Amino acid sequence: MDSNWNQIPEEVRFGIRYLSAHFYPKKYMARWSILRPLSMKFVGNVRGYSPQQYQEELEHFDFFESYFRDEPFSEIELPGSYITFFDELTKDFESGDIQRIVTRFHLVTEGILATTGLNILRSVGERYGLTQFTRGIKRIIEDEARHINFGLGLITDKGFALRRLNEIYPEAVKIVSDGRVHLEALAPFNEIMNMMEELRRARETRLKG
């Protein structure tokens, strides 16, 4: 943890921890424990999907757990909309349907939700001089950009993907809206919503291209 962490306003510190917990939902990991073997199965079934990408996802967990070792996420309550969203992601992985998996996971979870959250964390880390935290977030952003591009390249049914984008995107908006009281300590809420909408349009444009 950065040496100046405790010099940051309390509501900002909690906002950072709250948003970071979305990337490492320690309190709820047991609920989705099946995702690890299902993810490994997905890696094995998809040609060209590097096990390194799966390993990088685990390293992202390690970063958040290590950085917040003194202030663990076990006390962070995430909204019901987040839990429902990841219950549905688990069902998609259980189905084994690659198009279902990549549209919820790479297109929306990583391509919109995670991208938005990571950009907010990078920005607030830079603003408050959290050099160690910002360095870790930038590394995750680089990893995620590669993962997203690879996942979107797996989409073969673009009509299905566009329908799924329209179906799942409101669920993503609900997660962010439910955390508004905490996220507003990090960035103006309209800017967060605009960022999400820009990403949605960018994904839509790519699918239509």
Protein backbone atom coordinates (compact mmCIF):
# COMPACT_ATOMS: atom_id res chain seq x y z
CA MET A 1 0.00 0.00 0.00
CA ASP A 2 1.26 3.50 -0.79
CA SER A 3 2.72 5.40 2.17
CA ASN A 4 0.33 8.33 1.59
CA TRP A 5 -2.82 6.17 1.53
CA ASN A 6 -4.10 7.41 4.91
CA GLN A 7 -3.65 11.05 3.85
CA ILE A 8 -6.45 10.66 1.28
CA PRO A 9 -10.01 11.66 2.30
CA GLU A 10 -11.86 8.78 3.94
CA GLU A 11 -14.71 8.75 1.39
CA VAL A 12 -12.18 8.52 -1.46
CA ARG A 13 -10.33 5.66 0.24
CA PHE A 14 -13.57 3.76 0.69
CA GLY A 15 -14.60 4.52 -2.90
CA ILE A 16 -11.33 3.08 -4.16
CA ARG A 17 -11.75 -0.03 -2.03
CA TYR A 18 -15.41 -0.39 -3.03
CA LEU A 19 -14.62 -0.19 -6.75
CA SER A 20 -11.54 -2.39 -6.42
CA ALA A 21 -13.66 -5.05 -4.69
CA HIS A 22 -15.57 -5.44 -7.96
CA PHE A 23 -12.35 -6.83 -9.43
CA TYR A 24 -11.65 -9.06 -6.46
CA PRO A 25 -14.98 -9.83 -4.74
CA LYS A 26 -13.39 -11.70 -1.86
CA LYS A 27 -16.57 -11.77 0.22
CA TYR A 28 -18.37 -13.68 -2.56
CA MET A 29 -15.61 -15.83 -4.08
CA ALA A 30 -17.01 -19.07 -2.65
CA ARG A 31 -20.31 -18.39 -4.43
CA TRP A 32 -18.54 -18.44 -7.80
CA SER A 33 -15.84 -21.02 -7.06
CA ILE A 34 -17.01 -23.08 -10.04
CA LEU A 35 -15.82 -20.30 -12.36
CA ARG A 36 -12.18 -21.26 -11.95
CA PRO A 37 -12.47 -24.82 -13.36
CA LEU A 38 -14.98 -23.61 -15.96
CA SER A 39 -12.53 -20.91 -17.05
CA MET A 40 -9.77 -23.48 -17.35
CA LYS A 41 -12.06 -25.63 -19.48
CA PHE A 42 -12.81 -22.61 -21.66
CA VAL A 43 -9.08 -21.95 -22.11
CA GLY A 44 -8.57 -25.57 -23.14
CA ASN A 45 -11.45 -25.55 -25.62
CA VAL A 46 -10.68 -22.29 -27.43
CA ARG A 47 -7.93 -22.44 -29.99
CA GLY A 48 -5.42 -19.65 -29.59
CA TYR A 49 -6.55 -18.72 -26.08
CA SER A 50 -3.33 -18.52 -24.12
CA PRO A 51 -3.17 -19.96 -20.60
CA GLN A 52 -1.13 -16.83 -19.90
CA GLN A 53 -4.31 -14.77 -20.14
CA TYR A 54 -5.95 -16.95 -17.49
CA GLN A 55 -2.84 -16.61 -15.33
CA GLU A 56 -2.92 -12.84 -15.70
CA GLU A 57 -6.49 -12.78 -14.38
CA LEU A 58 -5.29 -14.59 -11.24
CA GLU A 59 -2.42 -12.11 -10.92
CA HIS A 60 -4.95 -9.28 -10.95
CA PHE A 61 -6.61 -10.86 -7.90
CA ASP A 62 -3.19 -11.11 -6.26
CA PHE A 63 -2.52 -7.42 -6.84
CA PHE A 64 -5.71 -6.27 -5.13
CA GLU A 65 -5.32 -8.73 -2.27
CA SER A 66 -1.69 -7.71 -1.71
CA TYR A 67 -2.25 -3.96 -1.98
CA PHE A 68 -5.23 -3.99 0.40
CA ARG A 69 -3.84 -6.60 2.77
CA ASP A 70 -4.28 -4.25 5.74
CA GLU A 71 -7.81 -3.28 4.67
CA PRO A 72 -9.27 -6.49 3.19
CA PHE A 73 -12.37 -6.57 1.02
CA SER A 74 -14.15 -9.12 3.19
CA GLU A 75 -16.21 -6.31 4.71
CA ILE A 76 -17.17 -4.71 1.39
CA GLU A 77 -20.81 -5.32 0.45
CA LEU A 78 -21.41 -5.32 -3.30
CA PRO A 79 -24.89 -4.62 -4.72
CA GLY A 80 -27.37 -7.36 -5.51
CA SER A 81 -27.20 -6.37 -9.18
CA TYR A 82 -23.49 -7.31 -9.21
CA ILE A 83 -24.21 -10.69 -7.63
CA THR A 84 -27.00 -11.40 -10.11
CA PHE A 85 -24.75 -10.39 -13.01
CA PHE A 86 -22.04 -12.84 -12.00
CA ASP A 87 -24.57 -15.58 -11.30
CA GLU A 88 -25.57 -15.16 -14.95
CA LEU A 89 -21.93 -15.19 -16.03
CA THR A 90 -21.52 -18.48 -14.21
CA LYS A 91 -24.52 -19.89 -16.10
CA ASP A 92 -22.97 -18.77 -19.38
CA PHE A 93 -19.72 -20.56 -18.56
CA GLU A 94 -21.66 -23.65 -17.48
CA SER A 95 -23.44 -23.68 -20.85
CA GLY A 96 -20.12 -24.09 -22.67
CA ASP A 97 -21.48 -21.86 -25.45
CA ILE A 98 -18.52 -19.76 -26.56
CA GLN A 99 -20.74 -17.02 -28.00
CA ARG A 100 -22.64 -16.68 -24.72
CA ILE A 101 -19.41 -16.63 -22.74
CA VAL A 102 -17.51 -14.08 -24.80
CA THR A 103 -20.46 -11.71 -25.20
CA ARG A 104 -21.09 -11.44 -21.46
CA PHE A 105 -17.46 -11.76 -20.34
CA HIS A 106 -15.29 -10.07 -22.98
CA LEU A 107 -17.86 -7.78 -24.58
CA VAL A 108 -19.59 -6.38 -21.48
CA THR A 109 -17.86 -7.50 -18.26
CA GLU A 110 -14.35 -6.68 -19.43
CA GLY A 111 -15.12 -4.49 -22.43
CA ILE A 112 -17.40 -2.04 -20.62
CA LEU A 113 -17.62 -2.59 -16.86
CA ALA A 114 -13.98 -3.41 -16.12
CA THR A 115 -12.65 -0.88 -18.62
CA THR A 116 -14.72 1.87 -17.02
CA GLY A 117 -13.74 0.87 -13.49
CA LEU A 118 -10.04 0.56 -14.25
CA ASN A 119 -9.95 3.96 -15.93
CA ILE A 120 -11.59 5.51 -12.87
CA LEU A 121 -9.10 3.80 -10.55
CA ARG A 122 -6.15 4.89 -12.69
CA SER A 123 -7.39 8.48 -12.75
CA VAL A 124 -8.02 8.72 -9.01
CA GLY A 125 -4.71 7.00 -8.28
CA GLU A 126 -2.87 9.58 -10.34
CA ARG A 127 -4.84 12.44 -8.81
CA TYR A 128 -3.89 11.46 -5.27
CA GLY A 129 -0.31 10.38 -6.01
CA LEU A 130 -0.83 6.67 -5.33
CA THR A 131 2.15 5.61 -7.43
CA GLN A 132 2.22 1.95 -6.42
CA PHE A 133 -1.52 1.56 -6.89
CA THR A 134 -1.53 3.38 -10.24
CA ARG A 135 1.35 1.27 -11.53
CA GLY A 136 -0.56 -1.91 -10.73
CA ILE A 137 -3.78 -0.62 -12.32
CA LYS A 138 -1.96 0.40 -15.50
CA ARG A 139 -0.52 -3.09 -15.80
CA ILE A 140 -4.01 -4.58 -15.43
CA ILE A 141 -5.37 -2.17 -18.07
CA GLU A 142 -2.72 -3.37 -20.53
CA ASP A 143 -3.57 -7.00 -19.82
CA GLU A 144 -7.30 -6.42 -20.14
CA ALA A 145 -6.97 -4.62 -23.47
CA ARG A 146 -5.34 -7.73 -24.94
CA HIS A 147 -7.92 -10.03 -23.38
CA ILE A 148 -10.82 -7.94 -24.71
CA ASN A 149 -9.44 -7.81 -28.25
CA PHE A 150 -8.89 -11.55 -28.29
CA GLY A 151 -12.36 -12.27 -26.88
CA LEU A 152 -14.13 -10.01 -29.36
CA GLY A 153 -12.26 -11.79 -32.13
CA LEU A 154 -14.02 -15.00 -31.07
CA ILE A 155 -17.45 -13.57 -31.89
CA THR A 156 -18.77 -15.28 -35.00
CA ASP A 157 -22.46 -14.43 -34.71
CA LYS A 158 -22.50 -10.64 -34.72
CA GLY A 159 -26.30 -10.43 -34.77
CA PHE A 160 -26.43 -12.51 -31.59
CA ALA A 161 -23.68 -10.38 -30.05
CA LEU A 162 -25.54 -7.15 -30.80
CA ARG A 163 -28.70 -8.52 -29.20
CA ARG A 164 -26.73 -9.64 -26.16
CA LEU A 165 -25.07 -6.24 -25.88
CA ASN A 166 -28.49 -4.58 -25.76
CA GLU A 167 -29.73 -7.14 -23.22
CA ILE A 168 -26.73 -7.12 -20.88
CA TYR A 169 -25.70 -3.47 -20.99
CA PRO A 170 -28.62 -2.31 -18.78
CA GLU A 171 -27.48 -4.86 -16.19
CA ALA A 172 -24.04 -3.24 -16.22
CA VAL A 173 -25.58 0.21 -15.84
CA LYS A 174 -27.60 -1.05 -12.86
CA ILE A 175 -24.45 -2.24 -11.09
CA VAL A 176 -22.82 1.17 -11.49
CA SER A 177 -25.99 3.05 -10.54
CA ASP A 178 -26.36 0.97 -7.39
CA GLY A 179 -22.87 2.05 -6.32
CA ARG A 180 -23.35 5.70 -7.14
CA VAL A 181 -23.02 6.97 -3.57
CA HIS A 182 -19.50 5.50 -3.37
CA LEU A 183 -18.39 6.11 -6.95
CA GLU A 184 -19.23 9.82 -6.83
CA ALA A 185 -16.33 10.24 -4.40
CA LEU A 186 -14.03 9.20 -7.26
CA ALA A 187 -15.53 10.90 -10.33
CA PRO A 188 -18.63 12.87 -11.37
CA PHE A 189 -21.36 10.32 -11.98
CA ASN A 190 -22.33 11.76 -15.37
CA GLU A 191 -18.74 11.26 -16.52
CA ILE A 192 -18.87 7.62 -15.45
CA MET A 193 -22.12 7.09 -17.34
CA ASN A 194 -20.73 8.86 -20.42
CA MET A 195 -17.64 6.66 -20.34
CA MET A 196 -19.80 3.53 -20.25
CA GLU A 197 -21.97 4.77 -23.10
CA GLU A 198 -18.93 5.61 -25.23
CA LEU A 199 -17.60 2.09 -24.69
CA ARG A 200 -20.99 0.60 -25.53
CA ARG A 201 -21.10 2.53 -28.79
CA ALA A 202 -17.52 1.53 -29.61
CA ARG A 203 -18.32 -2.16 -29.09
CA GLU A 204 -21.49 -1.78 -31.16
CA THR A 205 -19.53 -0.12 -33.98
CA ARG A 206 -16.98 -2.91 -33.98
CA LEU A 207 -19.70 -5.56 -34.18
CA LYS A 208 -21.37 -3.76 -37.07
CA GLY A 209 -18.09 -3.25 -38.93
